[in-house]
N, C-alpha and C. Protein backbone atom coordinates (compact mmCIF):
# COMPACT_ATOMS: atom_id res chain seq x y z
N MET A 1 -8.00 37.44 -49.42
CA MET A 1 -9.43 37.37 -49.24
C MET A 1 -9.90 35.92 -49.10
N ALA A 2 -9.33 35.04 -49.93
CA ALA A 2 -9.70 33.63 -49.86
C ALA A 2 -9.30 33.03 -48.51
N ARG A 3 -8.16 33.46 -48.00
CA ARG A 3 -7.69 32.96 -46.71
C ARG A 3 -8.65 33.40 -45.59
N LEU A 4 -9.09 34.64 -45.63
CA LEU A 4 -10.03 35.15 -44.64
C LEU A 4 -11.35 34.39 -44.71
N ARG A 5 -11.82 34.13 -45.93
CA ARG A 5 -13.08 33.41 -46.11
C ARG A 5 -12.97 31.99 -45.55
N SER A 6 -11.85 31.32 -45.81
CA SER A 6 -11.69 29.95 -45.31
C SER A 6 -11.59 29.95 -43.78
N MET A 7 -10.99 30.99 -43.20
CA MET A 7 -10.92 31.07 -41.74
C MET A 7 -12.30 31.30 -41.14
N ILE A 8 -13.10 32.13 -41.78
CA ILE A 8 -14.44 32.43 -41.26
C ILE A 8 -15.33 31.20 -41.32
N PHE A 9 -15.25 30.45 -42.42
CA PHE A 9 -16.09 29.26 -42.55
C PHE A 9 -15.48 28.04 -41.84
N GLY A 10 -14.17 28.02 -41.69
CA GLY A 10 -13.51 26.88 -41.06
C GLY A 10 -13.64 26.86 -39.55
N LEU A 11 -13.69 28.03 -38.93
CA LEU A 11 -13.78 28.10 -37.47
C LEU A 11 -15.04 27.43 -36.93
N PRO A 12 -16.23 27.73 -37.46
CA PRO A 12 -17.42 27.03 -36.95
C PRO A 12 -17.36 25.52 -37.16
N LEU A 13 -16.73 25.08 -38.26
CA LEU A 13 -16.60 23.65 -38.51
C LEU A 13 -15.70 23.00 -37.44
N CYS A 14 -14.60 23.65 -37.10
CA CYS A 14 -13.71 23.13 -36.05
C CYS A 14 -14.43 23.06 -34.71
N ILE A 15 -15.21 24.07 -34.40
CA ILE A 15 -15.96 24.08 -33.14
C ILE A 15 -16.98 22.95 -33.12
N ALA A 16 -17.66 22.74 -34.24
CA ALA A 16 -18.66 21.67 -34.33
C ALA A 16 -18.02 20.30 -34.16
N ILE A 17 -16.88 20.08 -34.80
CA ILE A 17 -16.21 18.79 -34.70
C ILE A 17 -15.73 18.53 -33.27
N SER A 18 -15.13 19.53 -32.63
CA SER A 18 -14.65 19.31 -31.27
C SER A 18 -15.80 19.13 -30.28
N SER A 19 -16.93 19.78 -30.50
CA SER A 19 -18.06 19.57 -29.59
C SER A 19 -18.65 18.17 -29.79
N CYS A 20 -18.64 17.66 -31.02
CA CYS A 20 -19.11 16.28 -31.25
C CYS A 20 -18.19 15.28 -30.57
N ALA A 21 -16.89 15.49 -30.65
CA ALA A 21 -15.94 14.58 -30.00
C ALA A 21 -16.12 14.62 -28.49
N GLY A 22 -16.41 15.79 -27.95
CA GLY A 22 -16.63 15.90 -26.52
C GLY A 22 -17.92 15.22 -26.09
N THR A 23 -18.94 15.28 -26.94
CA THR A 23 -20.23 14.70 -26.61
C THR A 23 -20.26 13.19 -26.85
N TYR A 24 -19.78 12.75 -28.00
CA TYR A 24 -19.91 11.35 -28.40
C TYR A 24 -18.62 10.55 -28.24
N GLY A 25 -17.54 11.17 -27.81
CA GLY A 25 -16.27 10.46 -27.64
C GLY A 25 -15.45 10.47 -28.90
N GLN A 26 -14.25 9.93 -28.79
CA GLN A 26 -13.34 9.87 -29.92
C GLN A 26 -13.84 8.86 -30.95
N PRO A 27 -13.53 9.09 -32.23
CA PRO A 27 -13.88 8.09 -33.23
C PRO A 27 -13.13 6.78 -32.96
N LYS A 28 -13.68 5.66 -33.42
CA LYS A 28 -13.07 4.35 -33.17
C LYS A 28 -11.68 4.22 -33.76
N ASN A 29 -11.39 4.98 -34.84
CA ASN A 29 -10.08 4.86 -35.47
C ASN A 29 -9.06 5.84 -34.90
N ALA A 30 -9.43 6.62 -33.89
CA ALA A 30 -8.49 7.55 -33.26
C ALA A 30 -7.51 6.77 -32.39
N PRO A 31 -6.24 7.18 -32.35
CA PRO A 31 -5.28 6.46 -31.51
C PRO A 31 -5.63 6.62 -30.04
N GLU A 32 -5.46 5.54 -29.27
CA GLU A 32 -5.79 5.58 -27.85
C GLU A 32 -4.70 6.29 -27.07
N GLN A 33 -5.11 6.96 -26.00
CA GLN A 33 -4.16 7.62 -25.12
C GLN A 33 -3.46 6.55 -24.28
N ALA A 34 -2.21 6.77 -23.98
CA ALA A 34 -1.47 5.84 -23.12
C ALA A 34 -2.01 5.98 -21.70
N TYR A 35 -2.36 4.86 -21.09
CA TYR A 35 -2.88 4.91 -19.73
C TYR A 35 -1.83 4.47 -18.72
N MET A 36 -0.75 3.89 -19.20
CA MET A 36 0.32 3.47 -18.32
C MET A 36 1.55 4.34 -18.56
N SER A 37 2.24 4.65 -17.51
CA SER A 37 3.45 5.45 -17.60
C SER A 37 4.64 4.54 -17.91
N PRO A 38 5.64 5.06 -18.60
CA PRO A 38 6.83 4.22 -18.84
C PRO A 38 7.56 3.94 -17.52
N ASP A 39 8.49 3.01 -17.58
CA ASP A 39 9.28 2.68 -16.39
C ASP A 39 9.99 3.92 -15.85
N ILE A 40 10.17 3.94 -14.54
CA ILE A 40 10.90 5.02 -13.89
C ILE A 40 12.29 4.50 -13.59
N GLN A 41 13.29 5.19 -14.10
CA GLN A 41 14.67 4.74 -13.94
C GLN A 41 15.04 4.63 -12.47
N GLY A 42 15.56 3.48 -12.08
CA GLY A 42 15.99 3.26 -10.71
C GLY A 42 14.94 2.61 -9.82
N LEU A 43 13.68 2.60 -10.26
CA LEU A 43 12.62 1.96 -9.47
C LEU A 43 12.08 0.75 -10.22
N LYS A 44 11.87 -0.33 -9.48
CA LYS A 44 11.33 -1.55 -10.07
C LYS A 44 10.00 -1.86 -9.40
N LEU A 45 8.98 -2.13 -10.20
CA LEU A 45 7.64 -2.43 -9.71
C LEU A 45 7.34 -3.89 -10.00
N GLU A 46 6.96 -4.65 -8.96
CA GLU A 46 6.67 -6.08 -9.13
C GLU A 46 5.33 -6.42 -8.47
N PHE A 47 4.40 -6.91 -9.26
CA PHE A 47 3.14 -7.43 -8.75
C PHE A 47 2.97 -8.82 -9.36
N ASP A 48 3.26 -9.86 -8.57
CA ASP A 48 3.14 -11.24 -9.03
C ASP A 48 1.66 -11.61 -9.08
N ILE A 49 1.22 -12.18 -10.18
CA ILE A 49 -0.21 -12.51 -10.35
C ILE A 49 -0.66 -13.52 -9.29
N ASP A 50 0.25 -14.36 -8.78
CA ASP A 50 -0.12 -15.35 -7.76
C ASP A 50 -0.40 -14.70 -6.40
N GLU A 51 0.00 -13.46 -6.22
CA GLU A 51 -0.22 -12.76 -4.95
C GLU A 51 -1.50 -11.92 -4.96
N GLN A 52 -2.26 -11.96 -6.06
CA GLN A 52 -3.50 -11.19 -6.17
C GLN A 52 -4.66 -12.15 -5.89
N ASP A 53 -5.63 -11.72 -5.11
CA ASP A 53 -6.70 -12.60 -4.64
C ASP A 53 -8.07 -12.01 -5.00
N LEU A 54 -8.84 -12.75 -5.78
CA LEU A 54 -10.19 -12.33 -6.17
C LEU A 54 -11.19 -13.20 -5.43
N ARG A 55 -12.06 -12.56 -4.65
CA ARG A 55 -13.04 -13.31 -3.86
C ARG A 55 -14.44 -12.73 -4.03
N PRO A 56 -15.46 -13.60 -4.03
CA PRO A 56 -16.84 -13.09 -4.06
C PRO A 56 -17.22 -12.51 -2.70
N VAL A 57 -18.09 -11.51 -2.73
CA VAL A 57 -18.62 -10.92 -1.50
C VAL A 57 -19.89 -11.70 -1.16
N PRO A 58 -19.94 -12.35 0.00
CA PRO A 58 -21.11 -13.16 0.35
C PRO A 58 -22.41 -12.35 0.32
N GLY A 59 -23.44 -12.95 -0.27
CA GLY A 59 -24.75 -12.32 -0.31
C GLY A 59 -24.93 -11.28 -1.40
N THR A 60 -23.91 -11.07 -2.22
CA THR A 60 -24.01 -10.10 -3.32
C THR A 60 -23.50 -10.74 -4.60
N ASN A 61 -23.62 -10.02 -5.69
CA ASN A 61 -23.11 -10.48 -6.97
C ASN A 61 -21.79 -9.80 -7.32
N SER A 62 -21.11 -9.24 -6.32
CA SER A 62 -19.87 -8.51 -6.58
C SER A 62 -18.67 -9.28 -6.04
N LYS A 63 -17.49 -8.79 -6.42
CA LYS A 63 -16.24 -9.41 -5.99
C LYS A 63 -15.30 -8.35 -5.44
N VAL A 64 -14.33 -8.81 -4.66
CA VAL A 64 -13.31 -7.95 -4.09
C VAL A 64 -11.95 -8.48 -4.54
N LEU A 65 -11.08 -7.57 -4.97
CA LEU A 65 -9.73 -7.94 -5.37
C LEU A 65 -8.76 -7.33 -4.37
N SER A 66 -7.90 -8.15 -3.82
CA SER A 66 -6.89 -7.64 -2.89
C SER A 66 -5.56 -8.30 -3.24
N GLY A 67 -4.51 -7.67 -2.81
CA GLY A 67 -3.20 -8.24 -3.08
C GLY A 67 -2.09 -7.31 -2.68
N PHE A 68 -0.89 -7.67 -3.12
CA PHE A 68 0.26 -6.84 -2.79
C PHE A 68 1.33 -6.99 -3.86
N GLY A 69 2.26 -6.06 -3.81
CA GLY A 69 3.40 -6.07 -4.71
C GLY A 69 4.55 -5.37 -4.03
N TYR A 70 5.64 -5.21 -4.77
CA TYR A 70 6.85 -4.62 -4.20
C TYR A 70 7.41 -3.53 -5.09
N ILE A 71 7.98 -2.52 -4.45
CA ILE A 71 8.73 -1.48 -5.15
C ILE A 71 10.15 -1.55 -4.62
N THR A 72 11.12 -1.63 -5.53
CA THR A 72 12.53 -1.68 -5.16
C THR A 72 13.25 -0.49 -5.76
N ASN A 73 14.08 0.16 -4.95
CA ASN A 73 14.90 1.27 -5.43
C ASN A 73 16.27 0.71 -5.79
N ASN A 74 16.53 0.55 -7.09
CA ASN A 74 17.81 0.05 -7.58
C ASN A 74 18.80 1.18 -7.83
N GLY A 75 18.38 2.41 -7.58
CA GLY A 75 19.22 3.57 -7.84
C GLY A 75 20.16 3.88 -6.69
N THR A 76 20.74 5.07 -6.75
CA THR A 76 21.71 5.48 -5.73
C THR A 76 21.24 6.68 -4.90
N VAL A 77 20.00 7.13 -5.14
CA VAL A 77 19.47 8.28 -4.41
C VAL A 77 18.12 7.91 -3.80
N ILE A 78 17.76 8.62 -2.74
CA ILE A 78 16.43 8.46 -2.14
C ILE A 78 15.40 8.98 -3.13
N ARG A 79 14.32 8.23 -3.31
CA ARG A 79 13.28 8.61 -4.27
C ARG A 79 11.93 8.71 -3.58
N GLU A 80 11.08 9.59 -4.11
CA GLU A 80 9.68 9.61 -3.68
C GLU A 80 9.00 8.38 -4.26
N VAL A 81 8.07 7.81 -3.51
CA VAL A 81 7.34 6.64 -4.00
C VAL A 81 6.18 7.14 -4.85
N PRO A 82 6.21 6.84 -6.16
CA PRO A 82 5.13 7.32 -7.02
C PRO A 82 3.85 6.51 -6.84
N THR A 83 2.75 7.07 -7.31
CA THR A 83 1.47 6.39 -7.28
C THR A 83 1.46 5.29 -8.33
N ILE A 84 0.85 4.17 -7.97
CA ILE A 84 0.72 3.02 -8.88
C ILE A 84 -0.69 3.03 -9.44
N LEU A 85 -0.83 2.61 -10.69
CA LEU A 85 -2.13 2.54 -11.34
C LEU A 85 -2.50 1.08 -11.57
N LEU A 86 -3.66 0.68 -11.05
CA LEU A 86 -4.23 -0.64 -11.29
C LEU A 86 -5.27 -0.47 -12.38
N VAL A 87 -5.18 -1.25 -13.45
CA VAL A 87 -6.12 -1.17 -14.57
C VAL A 87 -6.67 -2.55 -14.86
N MET A 88 -7.98 -2.64 -15.05
CA MET A 88 -8.62 -3.88 -15.48
C MET A 88 -9.14 -3.69 -16.90
N LEU A 89 -8.89 -4.70 -17.73
CA LEU A 89 -9.30 -4.67 -19.13
C LEU A 89 -10.29 -5.80 -19.39
N ASP A 90 -11.22 -5.56 -20.33
CA ASP A 90 -12.14 -6.62 -20.73
C ASP A 90 -11.53 -7.46 -21.85
N LYS A 91 -12.32 -8.36 -22.43
CA LYS A 91 -11.78 -9.26 -23.47
C LYS A 91 -11.39 -8.52 -24.74
N HIS A 92 -11.87 -7.28 -24.92
CA HIS A 92 -11.51 -6.46 -26.08
C HIS A 92 -10.34 -5.52 -25.77
N GLN A 93 -9.73 -5.71 -24.60
CA GLN A 93 -8.61 -4.89 -24.13
C GLN A 93 -9.01 -3.43 -23.93
N LYS A 94 -10.26 -3.19 -23.58
CA LYS A 94 -10.76 -1.86 -23.23
C LYS A 94 -10.72 -1.71 -21.71
N ILE A 95 -10.35 -0.52 -21.26
CA ILE A 95 -10.30 -0.26 -19.82
C ILE A 95 -11.72 -0.23 -19.27
N ILE A 96 -11.97 -1.07 -18.26
CA ILE A 96 -13.29 -1.08 -17.63
C ILE A 96 -13.22 -0.65 -16.16
N PHE A 97 -12.01 -0.55 -15.63
CA PHE A 97 -11.86 -0.12 -14.24
C PHE A 97 -10.42 0.33 -14.02
N SER A 98 -10.24 1.37 -13.23
CA SER A 98 -8.88 1.77 -12.84
C SER A 98 -8.94 2.33 -11.42
N GLN A 99 -7.84 2.17 -10.72
CA GLN A 99 -7.76 2.64 -9.34
C GLN A 99 -6.32 3.00 -9.02
N ASP A 100 -6.14 4.10 -8.31
CA ASP A 100 -4.81 4.49 -7.84
C ASP A 100 -4.46 3.68 -6.60
N ILE A 101 -3.20 3.29 -6.51
CA ILE A 101 -2.68 2.61 -5.33
C ILE A 101 -1.57 3.50 -4.77
N VAL A 102 -1.76 3.95 -3.54
CA VAL A 102 -0.79 4.84 -2.91
C VAL A 102 -0.13 4.09 -1.75
N SER A 103 1.18 4.09 -1.75
CA SER A 103 1.94 3.41 -0.69
C SER A 103 1.87 4.20 0.61
N ASN A 104 1.95 3.49 1.73
CA ASN A 104 2.04 4.17 3.02
C ASN A 104 3.39 4.84 3.19
N GLU A 105 4.40 4.31 2.51
CA GLU A 105 5.75 4.89 2.55
C GLU A 105 5.81 6.03 1.55
N LYS A 106 6.38 7.14 1.94
CA LYS A 106 6.47 8.31 1.04
C LYS A 106 7.78 8.35 0.28
N VAL A 107 8.85 7.80 0.87
CA VAL A 107 10.16 7.77 0.20
C VAL A 107 10.73 6.36 0.32
N ILE A 108 11.68 6.06 -0.59
CA ILE A 108 12.34 4.77 -0.59
C ILE A 108 13.84 4.99 -0.78
N ALA A 109 14.62 4.40 0.11
CA ALA A 109 16.08 4.57 0.10
C ALA A 109 16.72 3.65 -0.94
N PRO A 110 17.94 3.96 -1.37
CA PRO A 110 18.64 3.09 -2.31
C PRO A 110 18.80 1.68 -1.74
N GLY A 111 18.50 0.67 -2.56
CA GLY A 111 18.61 -0.73 -2.14
C GLY A 111 17.42 -1.22 -1.33
N GLU A 112 16.49 -0.35 -0.99
CA GLU A 112 15.35 -0.73 -0.16
C GLU A 112 14.21 -1.28 -1.03
N THR A 113 13.45 -2.22 -0.46
CA THR A 113 12.25 -2.76 -1.08
C THR A 113 11.10 -2.56 -0.11
N ILE A 114 9.99 -2.02 -0.60
CA ILE A 114 8.81 -1.83 0.25
C ILE A 114 7.64 -2.62 -0.32
N LYS A 115 6.78 -3.07 0.58
CA LYS A 115 5.59 -3.83 0.20
C LYS A 115 4.42 -2.87 0.08
N VAL A 116 3.64 -3.02 -0.98
CA VAL A 116 2.48 -2.17 -1.23
C VAL A 116 1.25 -3.08 -1.30
N THR A 117 0.23 -2.79 -0.48
CA THR A 117 -1.00 -3.58 -0.50
C THR A 117 -2.16 -2.72 -1.02
N TYR A 118 -3.19 -3.39 -1.51
CA TYR A 118 -4.35 -2.68 -2.04
C TYR A 118 -5.61 -3.52 -1.88
N LEU A 119 -6.75 -2.86 -2.03
CA LEU A 119 -8.06 -3.50 -2.03
C LEU A 119 -8.90 -2.78 -3.08
N ALA A 120 -9.47 -3.53 -4.00
CA ALA A 120 -10.32 -2.93 -5.05
C ALA A 120 -11.69 -3.58 -4.99
N GLN A 121 -12.72 -2.76 -5.08
CA GLN A 121 -14.08 -3.27 -5.11
C GLN A 121 -14.93 -2.37 -5.98
N GLY A 122 -16.09 -2.86 -6.39
CA GLY A 122 -16.98 -2.06 -7.22
C GLY A 122 -16.60 -2.08 -8.69
N PHE A 123 -15.85 -3.07 -9.12
CA PHE A 123 -15.44 -3.16 -10.52
C PHE A 123 -16.33 -4.14 -11.27
N PRO A 124 -16.43 -4.02 -12.60
CA PRO A 124 -17.22 -4.96 -13.39
C PRO A 124 -16.64 -6.38 -13.28
N THR A 125 -17.51 -7.37 -13.29
CA THR A 125 -17.06 -8.75 -13.12
C THR A 125 -16.54 -9.37 -14.41
N ASP A 126 -16.61 -8.66 -15.53
CA ASP A 126 -16.13 -9.23 -16.80
C ASP A 126 -14.68 -8.85 -17.09
N ALA A 127 -13.94 -8.42 -16.08
CA ALA A 127 -12.52 -8.08 -16.27
C ALA A 127 -11.75 -9.35 -16.57
N GLU A 128 -10.88 -9.28 -17.58
CA GLU A 128 -10.08 -10.44 -17.96
C GLU A 128 -8.59 -10.23 -17.76
N THR A 129 -8.14 -8.98 -17.76
CA THR A 129 -6.72 -8.69 -17.64
C THR A 129 -6.50 -7.67 -16.53
N LEU A 130 -5.46 -7.88 -15.77
CA LEU A 130 -5.10 -6.99 -14.66
C LEU A 130 -3.70 -6.47 -14.94
N GLU A 131 -3.52 -5.15 -14.90
CA GLU A 131 -2.21 -4.55 -15.18
C GLU A 131 -1.86 -3.55 -14.08
N PHE A 132 -0.57 -3.50 -13.75
CA PHE A 132 -0.05 -2.55 -12.78
C PHE A 132 1.05 -1.75 -13.45
N SER A 133 1.10 -0.45 -13.18
CA SER A 133 2.15 0.40 -13.72
C SER A 133 2.22 1.66 -12.87
N TRP A 134 3.23 2.48 -13.15
CA TRP A 134 3.28 3.80 -12.53
C TRP A 134 2.18 4.65 -13.13
N LYS A 135 1.56 5.47 -12.31
CA LYS A 135 0.52 6.36 -12.82
C LYS A 135 1.19 7.48 -13.62
N PRO A 136 0.66 7.76 -14.83
CA PRO A 136 1.26 8.85 -15.64
C PRO A 136 1.08 10.21 -14.99
């Protein structure tokens, strides 16, 4: 009987808590979700910071980020080229912008290196950190 009573009173409480989290977001002490995927065995992703270019857009208060990087297949089999995730973080290491980067090449052969280019615009100007990874 006590178990039934706790289930009857506990269910509305669980619903209330989950609706609050959905409305107001996760509590500050909740662990953050991983936004970057771990390395993919056999594929190497390289985006040199010197190859990324941030320029102001004339006549506006916005900026454009463009650049390129490389994907190398160090494995022994042909692989599909996964989507890359570009993430910008502010000074508190909070995500303020993200964008998918999709290569024009769909597959990559063993030993092959392909160049991937991108253009990002419409992001907040207070970005301090730029990160590239495989999209989860």
